[in-house]
Amino acid sequence: MTDRTDQLENEIITFVRNEFEATGEIERNTQLIADGIVDSIGVLRLVRFLEDRFGVQIDPQDLVLENFASVKAIVNLLRKRMN
């Protein structure tokens, strides 16, 4: 992993912990939706955070479960949008 990837993951993990009051351990492969940490409204809150914090545009076609299933998936989406 690169330093930038680590930074992105850490910022997303911090947001998820704070915004969704996650009490368990959140790691890069934690299943955010399947484990009930983030729901459909939570995905929209994540999108707003990503757009505001990183200056990217998340397109409607990006709003699929696979892109928000884990921190790793979110970072992959974010890196695509940042390029």
N, C-alpha and C. Protein backbone atom coordinates (compact mmCIF):
# COMPACT_ATOMS: atom_id res chain seq x y z
N MET A 1 0.83 -1.19 0.00
CA MET A 1 0.00 0.00 0.00
C MET A 1 0.87 1.24 0.00
N THR A 2 0.39 2.27 -0.67
CA THR A 2 1.13 3.52 -0.70
C THR A 2 0.72 4.40 0.47
N ASP A 3 1.54 5.41 0.74
CA ASP A 3 1.21 6.35 1.81
C ASP A 3 -0.11 7.04 1.53
N ARG A 4 -0.36 7.39 0.26
CA ARG A 4 -1.61 8.08 -0.10
C ARG A 4 -2.82 7.17 0.15
N THR A 5 -2.68 5.90 -0.20
CA THR A 5 -3.77 4.96 0.05
C THR A 5 -4.03 4.83 1.55
N ASP A 6 -2.96 4.73 2.32
CA ASP A 6 -3.10 4.67 3.78
C ASP A 6 -3.82 5.90 4.31
N GLN A 7 -3.45 7.07 3.79
CA GLN A 7 -4.07 8.32 4.22
C GLN A 7 -5.57 8.33 3.89
N LEU A 8 -5.91 7.93 2.68
CA LEU A 8 -7.31 7.89 2.27
C LEU A 8 -8.10 6.92 3.16
N GLU A 9 -7.53 5.74 3.37
CA GLU A 9 -8.20 4.75 4.22
C GLU A 9 -8.42 5.29 5.62
N ASN A 10 -7.39 5.91 6.19
CA ASN A 10 -7.50 6.44 7.55
C ASN A 10 -8.57 7.53 7.65
N GLU A 11 -8.64 8.40 6.65
CA GLU A 11 -9.66 9.46 6.68
C GLU A 11 -11.07 8.87 6.58
N ILE A 12 -11.24 7.87 5.74
CA ILE A 12 -12.56 7.25 5.58
C ILE A 12 -12.93 6.48 6.85
N ILE A 13 -11.98 5.74 7.41
CA ILE A 13 -12.24 5.01 8.65
C ILE A 13 -12.63 5.97 9.77
N THR A 14 -11.92 7.08 9.89
CA THR A 14 -12.24 8.07 10.91
C THR A 14 -13.64 8.62 10.70
N PHE A 15 -13.99 8.94 9.46
CA PHE A 15 -15.33 9.45 9.16
C PHE A 15 -16.39 8.41 9.54
N VAL A 16 -16.18 7.17 9.15
CA VAL A 16 -17.16 6.11 9.44
C VAL A 16 -17.32 5.94 10.96
N ARG A 17 -16.22 5.90 11.67
CA ARG A 17 -16.29 5.76 13.13
C ARG A 17 -17.08 6.89 13.77
N ASN A 18 -16.79 8.11 13.35
CA ASN A 18 -17.43 9.28 13.95
C ASN A 18 -18.88 9.46 13.49
N GLU A 19 -19.09 9.34 12.21
CA GLU A 19 -20.40 9.64 11.63
C GLU A 19 -21.45 8.56 11.95
N PHE A 20 -21.00 7.31 11.99
CA PHE A 20 -21.94 6.20 12.16
C PHE A 20 -21.82 5.55 13.53
N GLU A 21 -21.04 6.17 14.40
CA GLU A 21 -20.87 5.70 15.77
C GLU A 21 -20.56 4.21 15.83
N ALA A 22 -19.66 3.79 14.94
CA ALA A 22 -19.26 2.38 14.88
C ALA A 22 -18.46 2.04 16.14
N THR A 23 -18.86 1.00 16.81
CA THR A 23 -18.21 0.63 18.06
C THR A 23 -17.16 -0.45 17.88
N GLY A 24 -17.28 -1.25 16.84
CA GLY A 24 -16.31 -2.31 16.59
C GLY A 24 -15.12 -1.79 15.80
N GLU A 25 -14.19 -2.67 15.56
CA GLU A 25 -13.00 -2.32 14.79
C GLU A 25 -13.39 -2.14 13.32
N ILE A 26 -12.94 -1.05 12.73
CA ILE A 26 -13.15 -0.79 11.31
C ILE A 26 -11.79 -0.91 10.63
N GLU A 27 -11.70 -1.81 9.68
CA GLU A 27 -10.47 -2.01 8.93
C GLU A 27 -10.79 -1.89 7.45
N ARG A 28 -9.77 -1.97 6.64
CA ARG A 28 -9.95 -1.76 5.19
C ARG A 28 -10.92 -2.76 4.56
N ASN A 29 -11.03 -3.97 5.09
CA ASN A 29 -11.91 -4.98 4.50
C ASN A 29 -13.19 -5.22 5.30
N THR A 30 -13.43 -4.42 6.32
CA THR A 30 -14.67 -4.54 7.08
C THR A 30 -15.85 -4.32 6.14
N GLN A 31 -16.82 -5.18 6.20
CA GLN A 31 -18.00 -5.08 5.35
C GLN A 31 -18.98 -4.06 5.95
N LEU A 32 -18.90 -2.84 5.44
CA LEU A 32 -19.65 -1.73 6.02
C LEU A 32 -21.15 -1.89 5.90
N ILE A 33 -21.61 -2.32 4.74
CA ILE A 33 -23.05 -2.44 4.52
C ILE A 33 -23.56 -3.78 5.06
N ALA A 34 -22.89 -4.86 4.72
CA ALA A 34 -23.31 -6.19 5.15
C ALA A 34 -23.32 -6.33 6.67
N ASP A 35 -22.40 -5.64 7.33
CA ASP A 35 -22.34 -5.70 8.79
C ASP A 35 -23.25 -4.67 9.47
N GLY A 36 -24.00 -3.91 8.69
CA GLY A 36 -24.96 -2.97 9.24
C GLY A 36 -24.37 -1.67 9.77
N ILE A 37 -23.14 -1.39 9.42
CA ILE A 37 -22.50 -0.15 9.88
C ILE A 37 -23.02 1.04 9.09
N VAL A 38 -23.19 0.85 7.79
CA VAL A 38 -23.68 1.90 6.89
C VAL A 38 -24.93 1.38 6.18
N ASP A 39 -25.98 2.22 6.16
CA ASP A 39 -27.19 1.87 5.43
C ASP A 39 -27.29 2.74 4.17
N SER A 40 -28.42 2.70 3.49
CA SER A 40 -28.55 3.44 2.23
C SER A 40 -28.42 4.95 2.42
N ILE A 41 -28.96 5.48 3.49
CA ILE A 41 -28.79 6.91 3.77
C ILE A 41 -27.33 7.18 4.12
N GLY A 42 -26.71 6.25 4.80
CA GLY A 42 -25.30 6.38 5.13
C GLY A 42 -24.41 6.46 3.90
N VAL A 43 -24.78 5.72 2.86
CA VAL A 43 -24.02 5.79 1.60
C VAL A 43 -24.07 7.21 1.06
N LEU A 44 -25.23 7.84 1.12
CA LEU A 44 -25.36 9.22 0.64
C LEU A 44 -24.51 10.17 1.49
N ARG A 45 -24.45 9.93 2.79
CA ARG A 45 -23.59 10.75 3.65
C ARG A 45 -22.12 10.54 3.30
N LEU A 46 -21.75 9.30 3.00
CA LEU A 46 -20.39 9.01 2.56
C LEU A 46 -20.06 9.73 1.25
N VAL A 47 -21.00 9.71 0.32
CA VAL A 47 -20.80 10.39 -0.97
C VAL A 47 -20.56 11.87 -0.74
N ARG A 48 -21.37 12.48 0.08
CA ARG A 48 -21.19 13.91 0.36
C ARG A 48 -19.82 14.19 0.98
N PHE A 49 -19.42 13.36 1.94
CA PHE A 49 -18.10 13.49 2.54
C PHE A 49 -17.00 13.38 1.49
N LEU A 50 -17.07 12.37 0.65
CA LEU A 50 -16.03 12.17 -0.37
C LEU A 50 -15.97 13.35 -1.33
N GLU A 51 -17.13 13.82 -1.76
CA GLU A 51 -17.16 14.95 -2.69
C GLU A 51 -16.64 16.22 -2.04
N ASP A 52 -17.06 16.49 -0.82
CA ASP A 52 -16.62 17.70 -0.12
C ASP A 52 -15.15 17.64 0.26
N ARG A 53 -14.73 16.53 0.81
CA ARG A 53 -13.36 16.41 1.34
C ARG A 53 -12.31 16.30 0.25
N PHE A 54 -12.63 15.56 -0.81
CA PHE A 54 -11.62 15.26 -1.83
C PHE A 54 -11.87 15.95 -3.16
N GLY A 55 -12.95 16.71 -3.26
CA GLY A 55 -13.23 17.47 -4.47
C GLY A 55 -13.50 16.62 -5.70
N VAL A 56 -14.13 15.48 -5.48
CA VAL A 56 -14.46 14.58 -6.60
C VAL A 56 -15.96 14.60 -6.84
N GLN A 57 -16.34 14.10 -8.00
CA GLN A 57 -17.76 13.95 -8.34
C GLN A 57 -18.07 12.47 -8.38
N ILE A 58 -18.98 12.02 -7.54
CA ILE A 58 -19.44 10.64 -7.56
C ILE A 58 -20.68 10.60 -8.43
N ASP A 59 -20.59 9.90 -9.55
CA ASP A 59 -21.69 9.85 -10.51
C ASP A 59 -22.77 8.87 -10.06
N PRO A 60 -24.01 9.08 -10.52
CA PRO A 60 -25.10 8.18 -10.13
C PRO A 60 -24.80 6.70 -10.43
N GLN A 61 -24.11 6.42 -11.54
CA GLN A 61 -23.80 5.03 -11.86
C GLN A 61 -22.78 4.42 -10.89
N ASP A 62 -22.11 5.27 -10.08
CA ASP A 62 -21.18 4.77 -9.07
C ASP A 62 -21.88 4.33 -7.79
N LEU A 63 -23.16 4.65 -7.66
CA LEU A 63 -23.90 4.35 -6.43
C LEU A 63 -24.40 2.90 -6.43
N VAL A 64 -23.44 2.00 -6.39
CA VAL A 64 -23.75 0.57 -6.32
C VAL A 64 -23.08 -0.01 -5.08
N LEU A 65 -23.65 -1.08 -4.58
CA LEU A 65 -23.18 -1.72 -3.36
C LEU A 65 -21.68 -2.00 -3.38
N GLU A 66 -21.19 -2.51 -4.49
CA GLU A 66 -19.78 -2.90 -4.58
C GLU A 66 -18.83 -1.74 -4.29
N ASN A 67 -19.21 -0.52 -4.64
CA ASN A 67 -18.34 0.64 -4.44
C ASN A 67 -18.29 1.12 -2.99
N PHE A 68 -19.21 0.67 -2.16
CA PHE A 68 -19.29 1.14 -0.78
C PHE A 68 -19.30 -0.01 0.22
N ALA A 69 -18.97 -1.20 -0.25
CA ALA A 69 -19.02 -2.39 0.60
C ALA A 69 -17.97 -2.36 1.71
N SER A 70 -16.82 -1.76 1.44
CA SER A 70 -15.73 -1.72 2.41
C SER A 70 -14.93 -0.44 2.21
N VAL A 71 -14.06 -0.16 3.15
CA VAL A 71 -13.17 1.00 3.01
C VAL A 71 -12.29 0.82 1.77
N LYS A 72 -11.82 -0.37 1.56
CA LYS A 72 -10.99 -0.66 0.38
C LYS A 72 -11.74 -0.33 -0.92
N ALA A 73 -13.01 -0.74 -0.99
CA ALA A 73 -13.82 -0.46 -2.18
C ALA A 73 -14.03 1.05 -2.36
N ILE A 74 -14.26 1.75 -1.27
CA ILE A 74 -14.44 3.21 -1.35
C ILE A 74 -13.17 3.89 -1.83
N VAL A 75 -12.03 3.44 -1.33
CA VAL A 75 -10.75 4.02 -1.76
C VAL A 75 -10.53 3.76 -3.25
N ASN A 76 -10.86 2.55 -3.71
CA ASN A 76 -10.73 2.26 -5.15
C ASN A 76 -11.58 3.20 -5.98
N LEU A 77 -12.81 3.42 -5.56
CA LEU A 77 -13.71 4.36 -6.26
C LEU A 77 -13.13 5.76 -6.22
N LEU A 78 -12.68 6.16 -5.05
CA LEU A 78 -12.14 7.51 -4.88
C LEU A 78 -10.93 7.72 -5.77
N ARG A 79 -10.04 6.76 -5.84
CA ARG A 79 -8.83 6.89 -6.67
C ARG A 79 -9.22 7.01 -8.15
N LYS A 80 -10.24 6.29 -8.60
CA LYS A 80 -10.70 6.41 -9.98
C LYS A 80 -11.21 7.81 -10.25
N ARG A 81 -11.96 8.36 -9.31
CA ARG A 81 -12.54 9.69 -9.49
C ARG A 81 -11.49 10.79 -9.36
N MET A 82 -10.40 10.52 -8.67
CA MET A 82 -9.35 11.53 -8.49
C MET A 82 -8.43 11.62 -9.72
N ASN A 83 -8.46 10.60 -10.56
CA ASN A 83 -7.60 10.60 -11.76
C ASN A 83 -8.25 11.25 -12.93
